[in-house]
Amino acid sequence: MASNLDKKILWQCRRGILELDSVLSSFVANHFVKLNQKEKELFQLLLTHEDVDLMDWLINKQEPPPDSLKEIIDIVI
């Protein structure tokens, strides 16, 4: 059974852009529970960014800003 956090994260992955929804929702469904606490927090931080930025980083594979997000982006893609 999914925890409340898992359900909340899955809901936050619904972005309105089909490709982005697919990447994020698939990642959560298949990998989120296996992340350690730091990685889960980074993923939550990642979800606070704008859809355009997420598309660039996750789908267009452009470099994220030089901060801790690169670690979680590398895990997601």
PDB file of N, CA and C in Angstrom:
ATOM      1  N   MET A   1       0.844  -1.179   0.000  1.00  0.00           N
ATOM      2  CA  MET A   1       0.000   0.000   0.000  1.00  0.00           C
ATOM      3  C   MET A   1       0.891   1.245   0.000  1.00  0.00           C
ATOM      4  N   ALA A   2       0.525   2.201  -0.795  1.00  0.00           N
ATOM      5  CA  ALA A   2       1.304   3.426  -0.893  1.00  0.00           C
ATOM      6  C   ALA A   2       1.068   4.298   0.335  1.00  0.00           C
ATOM      7  N   SER A   3       2.139   4.928   0.774  1.00  0.00           N
ATOM      8  CA  SER A   3       2.030   5.826   1.920  1.00  0.00           C
ATOM      9  C   SER A   3       1.377   7.137   1.484  1.00  0.00           C
ATOM     10  N   ASN A   4       1.026   7.954   2.452  1.00  0.00           N
ATOM     11  CA  ASN A   4       0.460   9.265   2.135  1.00  0.00           C
ATOM     12  C   ASN A   4       1.446  10.116   1.357  1.00  0.00           C
ATOM     13  N   LEU A   5       2.743  10.010   1.697  1.00  0.00           N
ATOM     14  CA  LEU A   5       3.765  10.767   0.971  1.00  0.00           C
ATOM     15  C   LEU A   5       3.816  10.317  -0.478  1.00  0.00           C
ATOM     16  N   ASP A   6       3.781   9.003  -0.706  1.00  0.00           N
ATOM     17  CA  ASP A   6       3.809   8.484  -2.075  1.00  0.00           C
ATOM     18  C   ASP A   6       2.624   9.017  -2.879  1.00  0.00           C
ATOM     19  N   LYS A   7       1.452   9.015  -2.278  1.00  0.00           N
ATOM     20  CA  LYS A   7       0.254   9.510  -2.954  1.00  0.00           C
ATOM     21  C   LYS A   7       0.364  11.005  -3.247  1.00  0.00           C
ATOM     22  N   LYS A   8       0.899  11.755  -2.282  1.00  0.00           N
ATOM     23  CA  LYS A   8       1.066  13.201  -2.462  1.00  0.00           C
ATOM     24  C   LYS A   8       2.041  13.487  -3.601  1.00  0.00           C
ATOM     25  N   ILE A   9       3.149  12.768  -3.608  1.00  0.00           N
ATOM     26  CA  ILE A   9       4.160  12.959  -4.655  1.00  0.00           C
ATOM     27  C   ILE A   9       3.584  12.590  -6.016  1.00  0.00           C
ATOM     28  N   LEU A  10       2.875  11.487  -6.084  1.00  0.00           N
ATOM     29  CA  LEU A  10       2.274  11.066  -7.352  1.00  0.00           C
ATOM     30  C   LEU A  10       1.302  12.127  -7.859  1.00  0.00           C
ATOM     31  N   TRP A  11       0.531  12.719  -6.972  1.00  0.00           N
ATOM     32  CA  TRP A  11      -0.393  13.797  -7.363  1.00  0.00           C
ATOM     33  C   TRP A  11       0.388  15.003  -7.891  1.00  0.00           C
ATOM     34  N   GLN A  12       1.505  15.344  -7.251  1.00  0.00           N
ATOM     35  CA  GLN A  12       2.306  16.494  -7.675  1.00  0.00           C
ATOM     36  C   GLN A  12       2.982  16.254  -9.029  1.00  0.00           C
ATOM     37  N   CYS A  13       3.080  14.995  -9.434  1.00  0.00           N
ATOM     38  CA  CYS A  13       3.679  14.666 -10.728  1.00  0.00           C
ATOM     39  C   CYS A  13       2.725  14.933 -11.888  1.00  0.00           C
ATOM     40  N   ARG A  14       1.475  15.171 -11.592  1.00  0.00           N
ATOM     41  CA  ARG A  14       0.492  15.482 -12.636  1.00  0.00           C
ATOM     42  C   ARG A  14       0.672  16.943 -13.019  1.00  0.00           C
ATOM     43  N   ARG A  15       1.363  17.165 -14.107  1.00  0.00           N
ATOM     44  CA  ARG A  15       1.768  18.512 -14.475  1.00  0.00           C
ATOM     45  C   ARG A  15       0.930  19.125 -15.585  1.00  0.00           C
ATOM     46  N   GLY A  16       0.234  18.337 -16.367  1.00  0.00           N
ATOM     47  CA  GLY A  16      -0.546  18.873 -17.472  1.00  0.00           C
ATOM     48  C   GLY A  16       0.164  18.784 -18.804  1.00  0.00           C
ATOM     49  N   ILE A  17       1.379  18.328 -18.799  1.00  0.00           N
ATOM     50  CA  ILE A  17       2.131  18.091 -20.028  1.00  0.00           C
ATOM     51  C   ILE A  17       2.353  16.582 -20.095  1.00  0.00           C
ATOM     52  N   LEU A  18       1.772  15.945 -21.092  1.00  0.00           N
ATOM     53  CA  LEU A  18       1.740  14.491 -21.161  1.00  0.00           C
ATOM     54  C   LEU A  18       3.110  13.847 -20.997  1.00  0.00           C
ATOM     55  N   GLU A  19       4.092  14.341 -21.701  1.00  0.00           N
ATOM     56  CA  GLU A  19       5.429  13.750 -21.641  1.00  0.00           C
ATOM     57  C   GLU A  19       6.020  13.856 -20.238  1.00  0.00           C
ATOM     58  N   LEU A  20       5.850  15.008 -19.633  1.00  0.00           N
ATOM     59  CA  LEU A  20       6.372  15.246 -18.289  1.00  0.00           C
ATOM     60  C   LEU A  20       5.618  14.392 -17.266  1.00  0.00           C
ATOM     61  N   ASP A  21       4.299  14.329 -17.403  1.00  0.00           N
ATOM     62  CA  ASP A  21       3.496  13.472 -16.530  1.00  0.00           C
ATOM     63  C   ASP A  21       3.979  12.029 -16.614  1.00  0.00           C
ATOM     64  N   SER A  22       4.225  11.579 -17.815  1.00  0.00           N
ATOM     65  CA  SER A  22       4.639  10.197 -18.031  1.00  0.00           C
ATOM     66  C   SER A  22       5.978   9.894 -17.368  1.00  0.00           C
ATOM     67  N   VAL A  23       6.953  10.754 -17.565  1.00  0.00           N
ATOM     68  CA  VAL A  23       8.281  10.549 -16.980  1.00  0.00           C
ATOM     69  C   VAL A  23       8.211  10.567 -15.457  1.00  0.00           C
ATOM     70  N   LEU A  24       7.576  11.579 -14.901  1.00  0.00           N
ATOM     71  CA  LEU A  24       7.534  11.731 -13.449  1.00  0.00           C
ATOM     72  C   LEU A  24       6.690  10.651 -12.777  1.00  0.00           C
ATOM     73  N   SER A  25       5.507  10.388 -13.315  1.00  0.00           N
ATOM     74  CA  SER A  25       4.617   9.388 -12.710  1.00  0.00           C
ATOM     75  C   SER A  25       5.221   7.994 -12.785  1.00  0.00           C
ATOM     76  N   SER A  26       5.836   7.683 -13.893  1.00  0.00           N
ATOM     77  CA  SER A  26       6.488   6.382 -14.042  1.00  0.00           C
ATOM     78  C   SER A  26       7.631   6.228 -13.042  1.00  0.00           C
ATOM     79  N   PHE A  27       8.402   7.280 -12.880  1.00  0.00           N
ATOM     80  CA  PHE A  27       9.505   7.237 -11.924  1.00  0.00           C
ATOM     81  C   PHE A  27       8.982   7.003 -10.510  1.00  0.00           C
ATOM     82  N   VAL A  28       7.956   7.735 -10.124  1.00  0.00           N
ATOM     83  CA  VAL A  28       7.400   7.589  -8.775  1.00  0.00           C
ATOM     84  C   VAL A  28       6.847   6.178  -8.581  1.00  0.00           C
ATOM     85  N   ALA A  29       6.097   5.695  -9.552  1.00  0.00           N
ATOM     86  CA  ALA A  29       5.483   4.374  -9.434  1.00  0.00           C
ATOM     87  C   ALA A  29       6.514   3.257  -9.321  1.00  0.00           C
ATOM     88  N   ASN A  30       7.647   3.420  -9.982  1.00  0.00           N
ATOM     89  CA  ASN A  30       8.630   2.340 -10.047  1.00  0.00           C
ATOM     90  C   ASN A  30       9.852   2.500  -9.148  1.00  0.00           C
ATOM     91  N   HIS A  31      10.152   3.730  -8.720  1.00  0.00           N
ATOM     92  CA  HIS A  31      11.427   3.940  -8.035  1.00  0.00           C
ATOM     93  C   HIS A  31      11.379   4.754  -6.750  1.00  0.00           C
ATOM     94  N   PHE A  32      10.317   5.536  -6.544  1.00  0.00           N
ATOM     95  CA  PHE A  32      10.308   6.477  -5.421  1.00  0.00           C
ATOM     96  C   PHE A  32      10.505   5.786  -4.077  1.00  0.00           C
ATOM     97  N   VAL A  33       9.874   4.658  -3.853  1.00  0.00           N
ATOM     98  CA  VAL A  33       9.968   3.984  -2.549  1.00  0.00           C
ATOM     99  C   VAL A  33      11.389   3.502  -2.265  1.00  0.00           C
ATOM    100  N   LYS A  34      12.190   3.320  -3.301  1.00  0.00           N
ATOM    101  CA  LYS A  34      13.562   2.829  -3.133  1.00  0.00           C
ATOM    102  C   LYS A  34      14.558   3.945  -2.818  1.00  0.00           C
ATOM    103  N   LEU A  35      14.129   5.193  -2.957  1.00  0.00           N
ATOM    104  CA  LEU A  35      15.037   6.316  -2.697  1.00  0.00           C
ATOM    105  C   LEU A  35      15.301   6.450  -1.206  1.00  0.00           C
ATOM    106  N   ASN A  36      16.497   6.946  -0.875  1.00  0.00           N
ATOM    107  CA  ASN A  36      16.757   7.261   0.527  1.00  0.00           C
ATOM    108  C   ASN A  36      16.101   8.601   0.860  1.00  0.00           C
ATOM    109  N   GLN A  37      16.132   8.983   2.116  1.00  0.00           N
ATOM    110  CA  GLN A  37      15.435  10.194   2.559  1.00  0.00           C
ATOM    111  C   GLN A  37      15.936  11.440   1.840  1.00  0.00           C
ATOM    112  N   LYS A  38      17.241  11.562   1.670  1.00  0.00           N
ATOM    113  CA  LYS A  38      17.805  12.738   0.995  1.00  0.00           C
ATOM    114  C   LYS A  38      17.311  12.814  -0.449  1.00  0.00           C
ATOM    115  N   GLU A  39      17.306  11.674  -1.136  1.00  0.00           N
ATOM    116  CA  GLU A  39      16.853  11.652  -2.523  1.00  0.00           C
ATOM    117  C   GLU A  39      15.363  11.972  -2.631  1.00  0.00           C
ATOM    118  N   LYS A  40      14.570  11.496  -1.678  1.00  0.00           N
ATOM    119  CA  LYS A  40      13.144  11.827  -1.674  1.00  0.00           C
ATOM    120  C   LYS A  40      12.935  13.324  -1.488  1.00  0.00           C
ATOM    121  N   GLU A  41      13.716  13.924  -0.621  1.00  0.00           N
ATOM    122  CA  GLU A  41      13.619  15.368  -0.403  1.00  0.00           C
ATOM    123  C   GLU A  41      14.038  16.137  -1.655  1.00  0.00           C
ATOM    124  N   LEU A  42      15.083  15.660  -2.332  1.00  0.00           N
ATOM    125  CA  LEU A  42      15.514  16.301  -3.576  1.00  0.00           C
ATOM    126  C   LEU A  42      14.443  16.182  -4.655  1.00  0.00           C
ATOM    127  N   PHE A  43      13.793  15.035  -4.718  1.00  0.00           N
ATOM    128  CA  PHE A  43      12.725  14.860  -5.696  1.00  0.00           C
ATOM    129  C   PHE A  43      11.575  15.819  -5.412  1.00  0.00           C
ATOM    130  N   GLN A  44      11.227  15.972  -4.145  1.00  0.00           N
ATOM    131  CA  GLN A  44      10.187  16.928  -3.778  1.00  0.00           C
ATOM    132  C   GLN A  44      10.593  18.344  -4.166  1.00  0.00           C
ATOM    133  N   LEU A  45      11.855  18.688  -3.967  1.00  0.00           N
ATOM    134  CA  LEU A  45      12.363  19.999  -4.367  1.00  0.00           C
ATOM    135  C   LEU A  45      12.297  20.152  -5.889  1.00  0.00           C
ATOM    136  N   LEU A  46      12.637  19.109  -6.590  1.00  0.00           N
ATOM    137  CA  LEU A  46      12.570  19.134  -8.053  1.00  0.00           C
ATOM    138  C   LEU A  46      11.158  19.475  -8.525  1.00  0.00           C
ATOM    139  N   LEU A  47      10.163  18.909  -7.870  1.00  0.00           N
ATOM    140  CA  LEU A  47       8.774  19.139  -8.266  1.00  0.00           C
ATOM    141  C   LEU A  47       8.289  20.564  -8.017  1.00  0.00           C
ATOM    142  N   THR A  48       9.057  21.357  -7.288  1.00  0.00           N
ATOM    143  CA  THR A  48       8.663  22.754  -7.053  1.00  0.00           C
ATOM    144  C   THR A  48       9.042  23.658  -8.219  1.00  0.00           C
ATOM    145  N   HIS A  49       9.803  23.141  -9.157  1.00  0.00           N
ATOM    146  CA  HIS A  49      10.244  23.956 -10.294  1.00  0.00           C
ATOM    147  C   HIS A  49       9.186  23.995 -11.390  1.00  0.00           C
ATOM    148  N   GLU A  50       9.325  24.985 -12.241  1.00  0.00           N
ATOM    149  CA  GLU A  50       8.381  25.203 -13.350  1.00  0.00           C
ATOM    150  C   GLU A  50       8.460  24.056 -14.360  1.00  0.00           C
ATOM    151  N   ASP A  51       7.326  23.798 -14.993  1.00  0.00           N
ATOM    152  CA  ASP A  51       7.245  22.734 -15.989  1.00  0.00           C
ATOM    153  C   ASP A  51       8.258  22.913 -17.121  1.00  0.00           C
ATOM    154  N   VAL A  52       8.439  24.127 -17.560  1.00  0.00           N
ATOM    155  CA  VAL A  52       9.379  24.397 -18.654  1.00  0.00           C
ATOM    156  C   VAL A  52      10.788  23.953 -18.261  1.00  0.00           C
ATOM    157  N   ASP A  53      11.185  24.266 -17.034  1.00  0.00           N
ATOM    158  CA  ASP A  53      12.510  23.855 -16.569  1.00  0.00           C
ATOM    159  C   ASP A  53      12.601  22.338 -16.465  1.00  0.00           C
ATOM    160  N   LEU A  54      11.564  21.714 -15.912  1.00  0.00           N
ATOM    161  CA  LEU A  54      11.560  20.253 -15.795  1.00  0.00           C
ATOM    162  C   LEU A  54      11.652  19.592 -17.165  1.00  0.00           C
ATOM    163  N   MET A  55      10.926  20.127 -18.132  1.00  0.00           N
ATOM    164  CA  MET A  55      10.999  19.590 -19.500  1.00  0.00           C
ATOM    165  C   MET A  55      12.414  19.675 -20.038  1.00  0.00           C
ATOM    166  N   ASP A  56      13.056  20.821 -19.848  1.00  0.00           N
ATOM    167  CA  ASP A  56      14.423  20.987 -20.333  1.00  0.00           C
ATOM    168  C   ASP A  56      15.366  19.992 -19.678  1.00  0.00           C
ATOM    169  N   TRP A  57      15.270  19.832 -18.380  1.00  0.00           N
ATOM    170  CA  TRP A  57      16.197  18.975 -17.645  1.00  0.00           C
ATOM    171  C   TRP A  57      15.939  17.496 -17.875  1.00  0.00           C
ATOM    172  N   LEU A  58      14.665  17.090 -17.879  1.00  0.00           N
ATOM    173  CA  LEU A  58      14.339  15.665 -17.917  1.00  0.00           C
ATOM    174  C   LEU A  58      14.130  15.111 -19.323  1.00  0.00           C
ATOM    175  N   ILE A  59      13.562  15.883 -20.194  1.00  0.00           N
ATOM    176  CA  ILE A  59      13.223  15.377 -21.521  1.00  0.00           C
ATOM    177  C   ILE A  59      14.206  15.871 -22.575  1.00  0.00           C
ATOM    178  N   ASN A  60      14.521  17.154 -22.539  1.00  0.00           N
ATOM    179  CA  ASN A  60      15.471  17.707 -23.502  1.00  0.00           C
ATOM    180  C   ASN A  60      16.911  17.480 -23.075  1.00  0.00           C
ATOM    181  N   LYS A  61      17.073  16.985 -21.860  1.00  0.00           N
ATOM    182  CA  LYS A  61      18.369  16.623 -21.280  1.00  0.00           C
ATOM    183  C   LYS A  61      19.372  17.774 -21.291  1.00  0.00           C
ATOM    184  N   GLN A  62      18.874  18.964 -20.971  1.00  0.00           N
ATOM    185  CA  GLN A  62      19.755  20.104 -20.795  1.00  0.00           C
ATOM    186  C   GLN A  62      20.273  20.092 -19.362  1.00  0.00           C
ATOM    187  N   GLU A  63      21.385  20.716 -19.163  1.00  0.00           N
ATOM    188  CA  GLU A  63      22.004  20.755 -17.839  1.00  0.00           C
ATOM    189  C   GLU A  63      21.158  21.572 -16.866  1.00  0.00           C
ATOM    190  N   PRO A  64      20.908  21.028 -15.687  1.00  0.00           N
ATOM    191  CA  PRO A  64      20.207  21.797 -14.655  1.00  0.00           C
ATOM    192  C   PRO A  64      21.151  22.844 -14.067  1.00  0.00           C
ATOM    193  N   PRO A  65      20.619  23.774 -13.311  1.00  0.00           N
ATOM    194  CA  PRO A  65      21.496  24.751 -12.663  1.00  0.00           C
ATOM    195  C   PRO A  65      22.475  24.024 -11.741  1.00  0.00           C
ATOM    196  N   PRO A  66      23.608  24.625 -11.501  1.00  0.00           N
ATOM    197  CA  PRO A  66      24.622  23.950 -10.681  1.00  0.00           C
ATOM    198  C   PRO A  66      24.249  23.933  -9.198  1.00  0.00           C
ATOM    199  N   ASP A  67      23.350  23.035  -8.856  1.00  0.00           N
ATOM    200  CA  ASP A  67      22.993  22.848  -7.454  1.00  0.00           C
ATOM    201  C   ASP A  67      22.743  21.364  -7.220  1.00  0.00           C
ATOM    202  N   SER A  68      22.133  21.045  -6.146  1.00  0.00           N
ATOM    203  CA  SER A  68      21.960  19.654  -5.766  1.00  0.00           C
ATOM    204  C   SER A  68      20.935  18.904  -6.615  1.00  0.00           C
ATOM    205  N   LEU A  69      20.221  19.586  -7.497  1.00  0.00           N
ATOM    206  CA  LEU A  69      19.213  18.913  -8.305  1.00  0.00           C
ATOM    207  C   LEU A  69      19.803  17.952  -9.319  1.00  0.00           C
ATOM    208  N   LYS A  70      21.033  18.186  -9.729  1.00  0.00           N
ATOM    209  CA  LYS A  70      21.647  17.303 -10.723  1.00  0.00           C
ATOM    210  C   LYS A  70      21.648  15.858 -10.239  1.00  0.00           C
ATOM    211  N   GLU A  71      21.865  15.669  -8.964  1.00  0.00           N
ATOM    212  CA  GLU A  71      21.891  14.312  -8.399  1.00  0.00           C
ATOM    213  C   GLU A  71      20.562  13.592  -8.630  1.00  0.00           C
ATOM    214  N   ILE A  72      19.469  14.225  -8.334  1.00  0.00           N
ATOM    215  CA  ILE A  72      18.168  13.562  -8.487  1.00  0.00           C
ATOM    216  C   ILE A  72      17.761  13.478  -9.950  1.00  0.00           C
ATOM    217  N   ILE A  73      18.122  14.458 -10.740  1.00  0.00           N
ATOM    218  CA  ILE A  73      17.816  14.401 -12.172  1.00  0.00           C
ATOM    219  C   ILE A  73      18.527  13.222 -12.814  1.00  0.00           C
ATOM    220  N   ASP A  74      19.764  12.978 -12.432  1.00  0.00           N
ATOM    221  CA  ASP A  74      20.499  11.829 -12.960  1.00  0.00           C
ATOM    222  C   ASP A  74      19.817  10.511 -12.570  1.00  0.00           C
ATOM    223  N   ILE A  75      19.209  10.464 -11.411  1.00  0.00           N
ATOM    224  CA  ILE A  75      18.496   9.265 -10.979  1.00  0.00           C
ATOM    225  C   ILE A  75      17.207   9.093 -11.781  1.00  0.00           C
ATOM    226  N   VAL A  76      16.494  10.184 -12.010  1.00  0.00           N
ATOM    227  CA  VAL A  76      15.216  10.118 -12.708  1.00  0.00           C
ATOM    228  C   VAL A  76      15.403   9.719 -14.162  1.00  0.00           C
ATOM    229  N   ILE A  77      16.401  10.290 -14.823  1.00  0.00           N
ATOM    230  CA  ILE A  77      16.589   9.966 -16.237  1.00  0.00           C
ATOM    231  C   ILE A  77      17.581   8.834 -16.358  1.00  0.00           C
TER     232      ILE A  77
END
